[in-house]
Every structure is written in structure tokens, then in C-alpha cells.
PDB file of N, CA and C in Angstrom:
ATOM      1  N   MET A   1     -89.336  72.599 -65.207  1.00  0.00           N
ATOM      2  CA  MET A   1     -88.791  73.946 -65.133  1.00  0.00           C
ATOM      3  C   MET A   1     -89.951  74.935 -65.183  1.00  0.00           C
ATOM      4  N   GLY A   2     -89.832  76.021 -64.477  1.00  0.00           N
ATOM      5  CA  GLY A   2     -90.873  77.033 -64.446  1.00  0.00           C
ATOM      6  C   GLY A   2     -90.281  78.414 -64.296  1.00  0.00           C
ATOM      7  N   ASN A   3     -91.152  79.400 -64.296  1.00  0.00           N
ATOM      8  CA  ASN A   3     -90.730  80.795 -64.161  1.00  0.00           C
ATOM      9  C   ASN A   3     -89.725  81.201 -65.237  1.00  0.00           C
ATOM     10  N   ILE A   4     -90.114  80.926 -66.463  1.00  0.00           N
ATOM     11  CA  ILE A   4     -89.312  81.349 -67.608  1.00  0.00           C
ATOM     12  C   ILE A   4     -89.926  82.645 -68.127  1.00  0.00           C
ATOM     13  N   VAL A   5     -89.116  83.685 -68.154  1.00  0.00           N
ATOM     14  CA  VAL A   5     -89.599  85.024 -68.490  1.00  0.00           C
ATOM     15  C   VAL A   5     -88.968  85.510 -69.783  1.00  0.00           C
ATOM     16  N   GLY A   6     -89.817  85.953 -70.694  1.00  0.00           N
ATOM     17  CA  GLY A   6     -89.354  86.613 -71.902  1.00  0.00           C
ATOM     18  C   GLY A   6     -89.318  88.107 -71.638  1.00  0.00           C
ATOM     19  N   ILE A   7     -88.187  88.728 -71.891  1.00  0.00           N
ATOM     20  CA  ILE A   7     -88.037  90.168 -71.669  1.00  0.00           C
ATOM     21  C   ILE A   7     -87.763  90.838 -73.010  1.00  0.00           C
ATOM     22  N   ILE A   8     -88.593  91.838 -73.303  1.00  0.00           N
ATOM     23  CA  ILE A   8     -88.479  92.591 -74.543  1.00  0.00           C
ATOM     24  C   ILE A   8     -88.027  94.001 -74.198  1.00  0.00           C
ATOM     25  N   PRO A   9     -86.774  94.356 -74.504  1.00  0.00           N
ATOM     26  CA  PRO A   9     -86.306  95.722 -74.241  1.00  0.00           C
ATOM     27  C   PRO A   9     -86.777  96.658 -75.355  1.00  0.00           C
ATOM     28  N   ALA A  10     -87.459  97.731 -74.981  1.00  0.00           N
ATOM     29  CA  ALA A  10     -88.009  98.638 -75.999  1.00  0.00           C
ATOM     30  C   ALA A  10     -87.980 100.072 -75.478  1.00  0.00           C
ATOM     31  N   ARG A  11     -86.876 100.734 -75.671  1.00  0.00           N
ATOM     32  CA  ARG A  11     -86.786 102.112 -75.191  1.00  0.00           C
ATOM     33  C   ARG A  11     -87.359 103.074 -76.223  1.00  0.00           C
ATOM     34  N   GLY A  12     -87.742 104.244 -75.743  1.00  0.00           N
ATOM     35  CA  GLY A  12     -88.349 105.239 -76.623  1.00  0.00           C
ATOM     36  C   GLY A  12     -87.350 105.954 -77.505  1.00  0.00           C
ATOM     37  N   GLY A  13     -86.169 106.184 -76.986  1.00  0.00           N
ATOM     38  CA  GLY A  13     -85.154 106.911 -77.744  1.00  0.00           C
ATOM     39  C   GLY A  13     -84.432 106.003 -78.714  1.00  0.00           C
ATOM     40  N   SER A  14     -84.194 106.507 -79.883  1.00  0.00           N
ATOM     41  CA  SER A  14     -83.442 105.774 -80.885  1.00  0.00           C
ATOM     42  C   SER A  14     -82.764 106.788 -81.778  1.00  0.00           C
ATOM     43  N   VAL A  15     -81.504 106.555 -82.054  1.00  0.00           N
ATOM     44  CA  VAL A  15     -80.759 107.481 -82.899  1.00  0.00           C
ATOM     45  C   VAL A  15     -81.302 107.464 -84.328  1.00  0.00           C
ATOM     46  N   GLY A  16     -81.554 106.286 -84.846  1.00  0.00           N
ATOM     47  CA  GLY A  16     -81.989 106.162 -86.234  1.00  0.00           C
ATOM     48  C   GLY A  16     -83.455 106.466 -86.468  1.00  0.00           C
ATOM     49  N   VAL A  17     -84.324 105.763 -85.752  1.00  0.00           N
ATOM     50  CA  VAL A  17     -85.767 105.895 -85.943  1.00  0.00           C
ATOM     51  C   VAL A  17     -86.431 106.017 -84.564  1.00  0.00           C
ATOM     52  N   PRO A  18     -86.741 107.232 -84.147  1.00  0.00           N
ATOM     53  CA  PRO A  18     -87.392 107.397 -82.839  1.00  0.00           C
ATOM     54  C   PRO A  18     -88.714 106.628 -82.767  1.00  0.00           C
ATOM     55  N   LEU A  19     -88.933 105.985 -81.632  1.00  0.00           N
ATOM     56  CA  LEU A  19     -90.132 105.179 -81.374  1.00  0.00           C
ATOM     57  C   LEU A  19     -90.345 104.077 -82.413  1.00  0.00           C
ATOM     58  N   LYS A  20     -89.249 103.527 -82.903  1.00  0.00           N
ATOM     59  CA  LYS A  20     -89.335 102.497 -83.938  1.00  0.00           C
ATOM     60  C   LYS A  20     -90.132 101.277 -83.488  1.00  0.00           C
ATOM     61  N   ASN A  21     -90.124 100.998 -82.195  1.00  0.00           N
ATOM     62  CA  ASN A  21     -90.796  99.803 -81.693  1.00  0.00           C
ATOM     63  C   ASN A  21     -92.308  99.839 -81.861  1.00  0.00           C
ATOM     64  N   ILE A  22     -92.876 101.034 -82.011  1.00  0.00           N
ATOM     65  CA  ILE A  22     -94.330 101.124 -82.212  1.00  0.00           C
ATOM     66  C   ILE A  22     -94.701 101.690 -83.588  1.00  0.00           C
ATOM     67  N   LYS A  23     -93.708 101.820 -84.464  1.00  0.00           N
ATOM     68  CA  LYS A  23     -93.998 102.189 -85.855  1.00  0.00           C
ATOM     69  C   LYS A  23     -94.769 101.041 -86.502  1.00  0.00           C
ATOM     70  N   LEU A  24     -95.683 101.375 -87.370  1.00  0.00           N
ATOM     71  CA  LEU A  24     -96.489 100.344 -88.021  1.00  0.00           C
ATOM     72  C   LEU A  24     -95.703  99.623 -89.107  1.00  0.00           C
ATOM     73  N   LEU A  25     -95.835  98.318 -89.095  1.00  0.00           N
ATOM     74  CA  LEU A  25     -95.256  97.452 -90.118  1.00  0.00           C
ATOM     75  C   LEU A  25     -96.385  96.534 -90.581  1.00  0.00           C
ATOM     76  N   ASN A  26     -96.809  96.709 -91.807  1.00  0.00           N
ATOM     77  CA  ASN A  26     -97.931  95.943 -92.349  1.00  0.00           C
ATOM     78  C   ASN A  26     -99.177  96.089 -91.463  1.00  0.00           C
ATOM     79  N   GLY A  27     -99.379  97.308 -90.978  1.00  0.00           N
ATOM     80  CA  GLY A  27    -100.592  97.615 -90.214  1.00  0.00           C
ATOM     81  C   GLY A  27    -100.545  97.343 -88.725  1.00  0.00           C
ATOM     82  N   LYS A  28     -99.423  96.817 -88.223  1.00  0.00           N
ATOM     83  CA  LYS A  28     -99.306  96.516 -86.792  1.00  0.00           C
ATOM     84  C   LYS A  28     -98.045  97.174 -86.240  1.00  0.00           C
ATOM     85  N   PRO A  29     -98.083  97.573 -84.956  1.00  0.00           N
ATOM     86  CA  PRO A  29     -96.853  98.085 -84.345  1.00  0.00           C
ATOM     87  C   PRO A  29     -95.765  97.004 -84.378  1.00  0.00           C
ATOM     88  N   LEU A  30     -94.549  97.395 -84.672  1.00  0.00           N
ATOM     89  CA  LEU A  30     -93.434  96.449 -84.794  1.00  0.00           C
ATOM     90  C   LEU A  30     -93.342  95.520 -83.583  1.00  0.00           C
ATOM     91  N   ILE A  31     -93.480  96.065 -82.390  1.00  0.00           N
ATOM     92  CA  ILE A  31     -93.335  95.255 -81.173  1.00  0.00           C
ATOM     93  C   ILE A  31     -94.417  94.186 -81.049  1.00  0.00           C
ATOM     94  N   GLU A  32     -95.552  94.397 -81.696  1.00  0.00           N
ATOM     95  CA  GLU A  32     -96.654  93.433 -81.609  1.00  0.00           C
ATOM     96  C   GLU A  32     -96.250  92.072 -82.165  1.00  0.00           C
ATOM     97  N   TYR A  33     -95.424  92.050 -83.180  1.00  0.00           N
ATOM     98  CA  TYR A  33     -94.989  90.780 -83.769  1.00  0.00           C
ATOM     99  C   TYR A  33     -94.203  89.949 -82.749  1.00  0.00           C
ATOM    100  N   THR A  34     -93.306  90.588 -82.031  1.00  0.00           N
ATOM    101  CA  THR A  34     -92.500  89.883 -81.035  1.00  0.00           C
ATOM    102  C   THR A  34     -93.364  89.438 -79.859  1.00  0.00           C
ATOM    103  N   ILE A  35     -94.248  90.319 -79.398  1.00  0.00           N
ATOM    104  CA  ILE A  35     -95.132  89.962 -78.283  1.00  0.00           C
ATOM    105  C   ILE A  35     -96.022  88.782 -78.668  1.00  0.00           C
ATOM    106  N   ASN A  36     -96.636  88.838 -79.841  1.00  0.00           N
ATOM    107  CA  ASN A  36     -97.508  87.747 -80.273  1.00  0.00           C
ATOM    108  C   ASN A  36     -96.755  86.423 -80.364  1.00  0.00           C
ATOM    109  N   SER A  37     -95.557  86.458 -80.917  1.00  0.00           N
ATOM    110  CA  SER A  37     -94.762  85.224 -81.027  1.00  0.00           C
ATOM    111  C   SER A  37     -94.422  84.671 -79.656  1.00  0.00           C
ATOM    112  N   ALA A  38     -94.069  85.553 -78.737  1.00  0.00           N
ATOM    113  CA  ALA A  38     -93.724  85.124 -77.381  1.00  0.00           C
ATOM    114  C   ALA A  38     -94.927  84.496 -76.683  1.00  0.00           C
ATOM    115  N   LEU A  39     -96.079  85.145 -76.789  1.00  0.00           N
ATOM    116  CA  LEU A  39     -97.284  84.638 -76.139  1.00  0.00           C
ATOM    117  C   LEU A  39     -97.744  83.310 -76.743  1.00  0.00           C
ATOM    118  N   LYS A  40     -97.617  83.172 -78.045  1.00  0.00           N
ATOM    119  CA  LYS A  40     -98.061  81.956 -78.726  1.00  0.00           C
ATOM    120  C   LYS A  40     -97.074  80.799 -78.570  1.00  0.00           C
ATOM    121  N   SER A  41     -95.853  81.079 -78.154  1.00  0.00           N
ATOM    122  CA  SER A  41     -94.831  80.038 -78.081  1.00  0.00           C
ATOM    123  C   SER A  41     -95.179  78.946 -77.074  1.00  0.00           C
ATOM    124  N   GLY A  42     -95.875  79.332 -76.010  1.00  0.00           N
ATOM    125  CA  GLY A  42     -96.176  78.362 -74.962  1.00  0.00           C
ATOM    126  C   GLY A  42     -94.979  78.021 -74.092  1.00  0.00           C
ATOM    127  N   ALA A  43     -93.848  78.644 -74.364  1.00  0.00           N
ATOM    128  CA  ALA A  43     -92.622  78.339 -73.629  1.00  0.00           C
ATOM    129  C   ALA A  43     -92.341  79.307 -72.488  1.00  0.00           C
ATOM    130  N   LEU A  44     -93.088  80.411 -72.448  1.00  0.00           N
ATOM    131  CA  LEU A  44     -92.794  81.452 -71.466  1.00  0.00           C
ATOM    132  C   LEU A  44     -93.921  81.579 -70.450  1.00  0.00           C
ATOM    133  N   ASP A  45     -93.546  81.741 -69.197  1.00  0.00           N
ATOM    134  CA  ASP A  45     -94.529  81.950 -68.140  1.00  0.00           C
ATOM    135  C   ASP A  45     -94.988  83.396 -68.092  1.00  0.00           C
ATOM    136  N   ARG A  46     -94.102  84.313 -68.478  1.00  0.00           N
ATOM    137  CA  ARG A  46     -94.440  85.733 -68.511  1.00  0.00           C
ATOM    138  C   ARG A  46     -93.730  86.390 -69.684  1.00  0.00           C
ATOM    139  N   VAL A  47     -94.387  87.395 -70.262  1.00  0.00           N
ATOM    140  CA  VAL A  47     -93.781  88.193 -71.336  1.00  0.00           C
ATOM    141  C   VAL A  47     -93.801  89.632 -70.842  1.00  0.00           C
ATOM    142  N   ILE A  48     -92.611  90.187 -70.644  1.00  0.00           N
ATOM    143  CA  ILE A  48     -92.466  91.506 -70.038  1.00  0.00           C
ATOM    144  C   ILE A  48     -91.748  92.450 -70.993  1.00  0.00           C
ATOM    145  N   VAL A  49     -92.292  93.650 -71.130  1.00  0.00           N
ATOM    146  CA  VAL A  49     -91.636  94.697 -71.907  1.00  0.00           C
ATOM    147  C   VAL A  49     -90.983  95.664 -70.928  1.00  0.00           C
ATOM    148  N   SER A  50     -89.696  95.897 -71.133  1.00  0.00           N
ATOM    149  CA  SER A  50     -88.953  96.879 -70.342  1.00  0.00           C
ATOM    150  C   SER A  50     -88.831  98.140 -71.185  1.00  0.00           C
ATOM    151  N   THR A  51     -89.521  99.202 -70.760  1.00  0.00           N
ATOM    152  CA  THR A  51     -89.505 100.443 -71.527  1.00  0.00           C
ATOM    153  C   THR A  51     -89.482 101.658 -70.618  1.00  0.00           C
ATOM    154  N   ASP A  52     -89.066 102.761 -71.195  1.00  0.00           N
ATOM    155  CA  ASP A  52     -89.042 104.040 -70.502  1.00  0.00           C
ATOM    156  C   ASP A  52     -90.096 104.984 -71.069  1.00  0.00           C
ATOM    157  N   HIS A  53     -90.919 104.484 -72.005  1.00  0.00           N
ATOM    158  CA  HIS A  53     -91.823 105.348 -72.744  1.00  0.00           C
ATOM    159  C   HIS A  53     -93.278 104.905 -72.573  1.00  0.00           C
ATOM    160  N   GLN A  54     -94.148 105.824 -72.173  1.00  0.00           N
ATOM    161  CA  GLN A  54     -95.547 105.495 -71.914  1.00  0.00           C
ATOM    162  C   GLN A  54     -96.271 104.984 -73.160  1.00  0.00           C
ATOM    163  N   GLY A  55     -95.976 105.549 -74.314  1.00  0.00           N
ATOM    164  CA  GLY A  55     -96.622 105.092 -75.547  1.00  0.00           C
ATOM    165  C   GLY A  55     -96.295 103.647 -75.869  1.00  0.00           C
ATOM    166  N   ILE A  56     -95.045 103.271 -75.675  1.00  0.00           N
ATOM    167  CA  ILE A  56     -94.633 101.877 -75.904  1.00  0.00           C
ATOM    168  C   ILE A  56     -95.313 100.981 -74.876  1.00  0.00           C
ATOM    169  N   ALA A  57     -95.365 101.429 -73.621  1.00  0.00           N
ATOM    170  CA  ALA A  57     -96.011 100.645 -72.570  1.00  0.00           C
ATOM    171  C   ALA A  57     -97.477 100.395 -72.896  1.00  0.00           C
ATOM    172  N   THR A  58     -98.161 101.420 -73.367  1.00  0.00           N
ATOM    173  CA  THR A  58     -99.577 101.299 -73.700  1.00  0.00           C
ATOM    174  C   THR A  58     -99.795 100.288 -74.819  1.00  0.00           C
ATOM    175  N   VAL A  59     -99.004 100.383 -75.870  1.00  0.00           N
ATOM    176  CA  VAL A  59     -99.115  99.450 -76.991  1.00  0.00           C
ATOM    177  C   VAL A  59     -98.795  98.026 -76.521  1.00  0.00           C
ATOM    178  N   ALA A  60     -97.739  97.873 -75.738  1.00  0.00           N
ATOM    179  CA  ALA A  60     -97.339  96.547 -75.265  1.00  0.00           C
ATOM    180  C   ALA A  60     -98.445  95.893 -74.446  1.00  0.00           C
ATOM    181  N   LYS A  61     -99.076  96.663 -73.570  1.00  0.00           N
ATOM    182  CA  LYS A  61    -100.174  96.117 -72.758  1.00  0.00           C
ATOM    183  C   LYS A  61    -101.359  95.724 -73.628  1.00  0.00           C
ATOM    184  N   LYS A  62    -101.670  96.535 -74.626  1.00  0.00           N
ATOM    185  CA  LYS A  62    -102.780  96.215 -75.530  1.00  0.00           C
ATOM    186  C   LYS A  62    -102.510  94.921 -76.296  1.00  0.00           C
ATOM    187  N   CYS A  63    -101.245  94.637 -76.521  1.00  0.00           N
ATOM    188  CA  CYS A  63    -100.862  93.424 -77.251  1.00  0.00           C
ATOM    189  C   CYS A  63    -100.776  92.198 -76.334  1.00  0.00           C
ATOM    190  N   GLY A  64    -100.936  92.399 -75.035  1.00  0.00           N
ATOM    191  CA  GLY A  64    -100.940  91.274 -74.109  1.00  0.00           C
ATOM    192  C   GLY A  64     -99.703  91.087 -73.266  1.00  0.00           C
ATOM    193  N   ALA A  65     -98.720  91.951 -73.416  1.00  0.00           N
ATOM    194  CA  ALA A  65     -97.505  91.853 -72.600  1.00  0.00           C
ATOM    195  C   ALA A  65     -97.709  92.562 -71.268  1.00  0.00           C
ATOM    196  N   GLU A  66     -96.872  92.241 -70.329  1.00  0.00           N
ATOM    197  CA  GLU A  66     -96.853  92.925 -69.039  1.00  0.00           C
ATOM    198  C   GLU A  66     -95.841  94.065 -69.102  1.00  0.00           C
ATOM    199  N   VAL A  67     -96.152  95.153 -68.422  1.00  0.00           N
ATOM    200  CA  VAL A  67     -95.205  96.256 -68.249  1.00  0.00           C
ATOM    201  C   VAL A  67     -95.274  96.633 -66.769  1.00  0.00           C
ATOM    202  N   PRO A  68     -94.598  95.848 -65.917  1.00  0.00           N
ATOM    203  CA  PRO A  68     -94.736  96.035 -64.471  1.00  0.00           C
ATOM    204  C   PRO A  68     -93.946  97.203 -63.882  1.00  0.00           C
ATOM    205  N   PHE A  69     -93.107  97.821 -64.693  1.00  0.00           N
ATOM    206  CA  PHE A  69     -92.280  98.929 -64.209  1.00  0.00           C
ATOM    207  C   PHE A  69     -91.920  99.839 -65.371  1.00  0.00           C
ATOM    208  N   VAL A  70     -91.458 101.038 -65.023  1.00  0.00           N
ATOM    209  CA  VAL A  70     -90.898 101.962 -66.011  1.00  0.00           C
ATOM    210  C   VAL A  70     -89.383 101.860 -65.870  1.00  0.00           C
ATOM    211  N   ARG A  71     -88.721 101.660 -66.980  1.00  0.00           N
ATOM    212  CA  ARG A  71     -87.265 101.517 -66.945  1.00  0.00           C
ATOM    213  C   ARG A  71     -86.620 102.822 -66.490  1.00  0.00           C
ATOM    214  N   PRO A  72     -85.688 102.758 -65.538  1.00  0.00           N
ATOM    215  CA  PRO A  72     -85.011 103.973 -65.053  1.00  0.00           C
ATOM    216  C   PRO A  72     -84.211 104.678 -66.150  1.00  0.00           C
ATOM    217  N   ALA A  73     -84.090 105.980 -66.015  1.00  0.00           N
ATOM    218  CA  ALA A  73     -83.402 106.804 -67.017  1.00  0.00           C
ATOM    219  C   ALA A  73     -81.959 106.367 -67.242  1.00  0.00           C
ATOM    220  N   ASP A  74     -81.275 105.927 -66.188  1.00  0.00           N
ATOM    221  CA  ASP A  74     -79.852 105.590 -66.327  1.00  0.00           C
ATOM    222  C   ASP A  74     -79.605 104.353 -67.188  1.00  0.00           C
ATOM    223  N   ILE A  75     -80.643 103.563 -67.447  1.00  0.00           N
ATOM    224  CA  ILE A  75     -80.473 102.434 -68.361  1.00  0.00           C
ATOM    225  C   ILE A  75     -81.425 102.554 -69.548  1.00  0.00           C
ATOM    226  N   SER A  76     -81.823 103.788 -69.840  1.00  0.00           N
ATOM    227  CA  SER A  76     -82.709 104.021 -70.978  1.00  0.00           C
ATOM    228  C   SER A  76     -81.983 104.653 -72.154  1.00  0.00           C
ATOM    229  N   GLU A  77     -80.712 104.895 -71.987  1.00  0.00           N
ATOM    230  CA  GLU A  77     -79.907 105.391 -73.097  1.00  0.00           C
ATOM    231  C   GLU A  77     -79.310 104.185 -73.816  1.00  0.00           C
ATOM    232  N   ASP A  78     -78.329 104.413 -74.624  1.00  0.00           N
ATOM    233  CA  ASP A  78     -77.682 103.337 -75.376  1.00  0.00           C
ATOM    234  C   ASP A  78     -76.726 102.594 -74.444  1.00  0.00           C
ATOM    235  N   VAL A  79     -77.267 101.616 -73.696  1.00  0.00           N
ATOM    236  CA  VAL A  79     -76.464 100.832 -72.752  1.00  0.00           C
ATOM    237  C   VAL A  79     -76.530  99.359 -73.145  1.00  0.00           C
ATOM    238  N   ASP A  80     -75.635  98.585 -72.557  1.00  0.00           N
ATOM    239  CA  ASP A  80     -75.648  97.148 -72.810  1.00  0.00           C
ATOM    240  C   ASP A  80     -76.984  96.553 -72.370  1.00  0.00           C
ATOM    241  N   THR A  81     -77.528  95.685 -73.167  1.00  0.00           N
ATOM    242  CA  THR A  81     -78.803  95.037 -72.866  1.00  0.00           C
ATOM    243  C   THR A  81     -78.734  94.266 -71.550  1.00  0.00           C
ATOM    244  N   GLU A  82     -77.551  93.829 -71.200  1.00  0.00           N
ATOM    245  CA  GLU A  82     -77.359  93.096 -69.942  1.00  0.00           C
ATOM    246  C   GLU A  82     -77.900  93.887 -68.746  1.00  0.00           C
ATOM    247  N   PHE A  83     -77.692  95.211 -68.734  1.00  0.00           N
ATOM    248  CA  PHE A  83     -78.174  96.033 -67.623  1.00  0.00           C
ATOM    249  C   PHE A  83     -79.699  96.087 -67.585  1.00  0.00           C
ATOM    250  N   VAL A  84     -80.302  96.101 -68.741  1.00  0.00           N
ATOM    251  CA  VAL A  84     -81.766  96.119 -68.848  1.00  0.00           C
ATOM    252  C   VAL A  84     -82.334  94.803 -68.307  1.00  0.00           C
ATOM    253  N   LEU A  85     -81.725  93.699 -68.683  1.00  0.00           N
ATOM    254  CA  LEU A  85     -82.170  92.396 -68.200  1.00  0.00           C
ATOM    255  C   LEU A  85     -81.972  92.270 -66.694  1.00  0.00           C
ATOM    256  N   GLN A  86     -80.826  92.721 -66.203  1.00  0.00           N
ATOM    257  CA  GLN A  86     -80.559  92.670 -64.762  1.00  0.00           C
ATOM    258  C   GLN A  86     -81.590  93.481 -63.990  1.00  0.00           C
ATOM    259  N   HIS A  87     -81.926  94.659 -64.497  1.00  0.00           N
ATOM    260  CA  HIS A  87     -82.924  95.490 -63.829  1.00  0.00           C
ATOM    261  C   HIS A  87     -84.260  94.760 -63.753  1.00  0.00           C
ATOM    262  N   ALA A  88     -84.693  94.163 -64.853  1.00  0.00           N
ATOM    263  CA  ALA A  88     -85.976  93.453 -64.880  1.00  0.00           C
ATOM    264  C   ALA A  88     -85.981  92.278 -63.904  1.00  0.00           C
ATOM    265  N   VAL A  89     -84.933  91.488 -63.921  1.00  0.00           N
ATOM    266  CA  VAL A  89     -84.833  90.333 -63.022  1.00  0.00           C
ATOM    267  C   VAL A  89     -84.843  90.794 -61.568  1.00  0.00           C
ATOM    268  N   ASN A  90     -84.062  91.816 -61.262  1.00  0.00           N
ATOM    269  CA  ASN A  90     -84.015  92.330 -59.887  1.00  0.00           C
ATOM    270  C   ASN A  90     -85.360  92.894 -59.456  1.00  0.00           C
ATOM    271  N   TYR A  91     -86.047  93.582 -60.366  1.00  0.00           N
ATOM    272  CA  TYR A  91     -87.365  94.120 -60.043  1.00  0.00           C
ATOM    273  C   TYR A  91     -88.324  92.985 -59.685  1.00  0.00           C
ATOM    274  N   LEU A  92     -88.379  91.973 -60.521  1.00  0.00           N
ATOM    275  CA  LEU A  92     -89.298  90.868 -60.289  1.00  0.00           C
ATOM    276  C   LEU A  92     -88.978  90.147 -58.978  1.00  0.00           C
ATOM    277  N   LYS A  93     -87.708  89.982 -58.711  1.00  0.00           N
ATOM    278  CA  LYS A  93     -87.288  89.301 -57.479  1.00  0.00           C
ATOM    279  C   LYS A  93     -87.600  90.153 -56.248  1.00  0.00           C
ATOM    280  N   ASN A  94     -87.217  91.419 -56.288  1.00  0.00           N
ATOM    281  CA  ASN A  94     -87.328  92.274 -55.106  1.00  0.00           C
ATOM    282  C   ASN A  94     -88.721  92.847 -54.876  1.00  0.00           C
ATOM    283  N   GLU A  95     -89.420  93.200 -55.947  1.00  0.00           N
ATOM    284  CA  GLU A  95     -90.728  93.852 -55.804  1.00  0.00           C
ATOM    285  C   GLU A  95     -91.899  92.868 -55.836  1.00  0.00           C
ATOM    286  N   GLU A  96     -91.719  91.738 -56.517  1.00  0.00           N
ATOM    287  CA  GLU A  96     -92.805  90.772 -56.647  1.00  0.00           C
ATOM    288  C   GLU A  96     -92.495  89.434 -55.991  1.00  0.00           C
ATOM    289  N   ASN A  97     -91.287  89.303 -55.452  1.00  0.00           N
ATOM    290  CA  ASN A  97     -90.850  88.038 -54.864  1.00  0.00           C
ATOM    291  C   ASN A  97     -91.002  86.899 -55.875  1.00  0.00           C
ATOM    292  N   TYR A  98     -90.682  87.201 -57.126  1.00  0.00           N
ATOM    293  CA  TYR A  98     -90.813  86.256 -58.234  1.00  0.00           C
ATOM    294  C   TYR A  98     -89.417  85.805 -58.640  1.00  0.00           C
ATOM    295  N   ASN A  99     -89.134  84.536 -58.399  1.00  0.00           N
ATOM    296  CA  ASN A  99     -87.817  84.003 -58.739  1.00  0.00           C
ATOM    297  C   ASN A  99     -87.836  83.433 -60.145  1.00  0.00           C
ATOM    298  N   ILE A 100     -86.870  83.836 -60.919  1.00  0.00           N
ATOM    299  CA  ILE A 100     -86.784  83.458 -62.327  1.00  0.00           C
ATOM    300  C   ILE A 100     -85.767  82.338 -62.502  1.00  0.00           C
ATOM    301  N   GLU A 101     -86.165  81.318 -63.239  1.00  0.00           N
ATOM    302  CA  GLU A 101     -85.245  80.231 -63.551  1.00  0.00           C
ATOM    303  C   GLU A 101     -84.498  80.471 -64.847  1.00  0.00           C
ATOM    304  N   ALA A 102     -85.155  81.148 -65.782  1.00  0.00           N
ATOM    305  CA  ALA A 102     -84.511  81.416 -67.073  1.00  0.00           C
ATOM    306  C   ALA A 102     -85.103  82.685 -67.677  1.00  0.00           C
ATOM    307  N   VAL A 103     -84.251  83.410 -68.398  1.00  0.00           N
ATOM    308  CA  VAL A 103     -84.653  84.623 -69.101  1.00  0.00           C
ATOM    309  C   VAL A 103     -84.421  84.406 -70.587  1.00  0.00           C
ATOM    310  N   VAL A 104     -85.408  84.822 -71.373  1.00  0.00           N
ATOM    311  CA  VAL A 104     -85.271  84.796 -72.832  1.00  0.00           C
ATOM    312  C   VAL A 104     -85.318  86.229 -73.315  1.00  0.00           C
ATOM    313  N   LEU A 105     -84.265  86.661 -73.975  1.00  0.00           N
ATOM    314  CA  LEU A 105     -84.196  87.997 -74.544  1.00  0.00           C
ATOM    315  C   LEU A 105     -84.885  87.976 -75.905  1.00  0.00           C
ATOM    316  N   LEU A 106     -85.879  88.851 -76.060  1.00  0.00           N
ATOM    317  CA  LEU A 106     -86.622  88.938 -77.317  1.00  0.00           C
ATOM    318  C   LEU A 106     -86.483  90.349 -77.857  1.00  0.00           C
ATOM    319  N   GLN A 107     -85.863  90.504 -78.996  1.00  0.00           N
ATOM    320  CA  GLN A 107     -85.638  91.821 -79.581  1.00  0.00           C
ATOM    321  C   GLN A 107     -86.872  92.252 -80.385  1.00  0.00           C
ATOM    322  N   PRO A 108     -87.417  93.427 -80.094  1.00  0.00           N
ATOM    323  CA  PRO A 108     -88.615  93.860 -80.810  1.00  0.00           C
ATOM    324  C   PRO A 108     -88.353  94.271 -82.255  1.00  0.00           C
ATOM    325  N   THR A 109     -87.096  94.490 -82.593  1.00  0.00           N
ATOM    326  CA  THR A 109     -86.755  94.915 -83.951  1.00  0.00           C
ATOM    327  C   THR A 109     -86.423  93.738 -84.869  1.00  0.00           C
ATOM    328  N   SER A 110     -86.568  92.526 -84.350  1.00  0.00           N
ATOM    329  CA  SER A 110     -86.310  91.320 -85.153  1.00  0.00           C
ATOM    330  C   SER A 110     -87.469  90.352 -85.012  1.00  0.00           C
ATOM    331  N   PRO A 111     -88.637  90.738 -85.527  1.00  0.00           N
ATOM    332  CA  PRO A 111     -89.820  89.900 -85.269  1.00  0.00           C
ATOM    333  C   PRO A 111     -89.771  88.543 -85.967  1.00  0.00           C
TER     334      PRO A 111
END
């Protein structure tokens, strides 16, 4: 099996804690824990962060994740995660001709 993609949804807006995904937890941005675990797992061919926020994108790239697109505004509000995953899969298929065999959803708020 190949082309297994880990997708980390991390939008900038949050009702409770704005930009929570890059808030420091024990000296590291929260999202870094999820990215590091994904990269170290050896089970994923790609680790992609889907975000609408440049600050999150910058941190994610520094941590080793890919951010190949900016998430569109219509799925950057409080929407079902399914739409975020569909957008990422469609982007990879249509823009990169990258066919995915499996998607792993990785929540940045549950490191």
C-alpha cells in the first residue's frame, strides 16, 4: 500500500481560543506535537496541514509538514471536517495528480 496521507486540519479562527493550534504548550506550538508524531510514525507518505492562516502555515512548514494550499474561506469556518478532508484529497488529485489510497485524520488539538 502507498500514498497514505496524514491531514491535519488547523484553521485560524476558533471560538474558544483563537490560533490555539500555534499556542505554546511546554515551549512548543501545539500543532508541532501532532506533526512530529506523524512524521516519526513511518506510516505516512505525506503529512499535510490544511489551514487558512499564514501563521499556522509558517509554523507547520518549520515543523516539517507540507502546506500545499490555503484552505478556502467557505470551509474555514466551523464546518464538518469531512469537507476539509475532501478539499485536500481533491486538491492533491487535481493539482498534483497525486492519487491517495488512504487518509489519516490527525487532530492538532489532541497531540
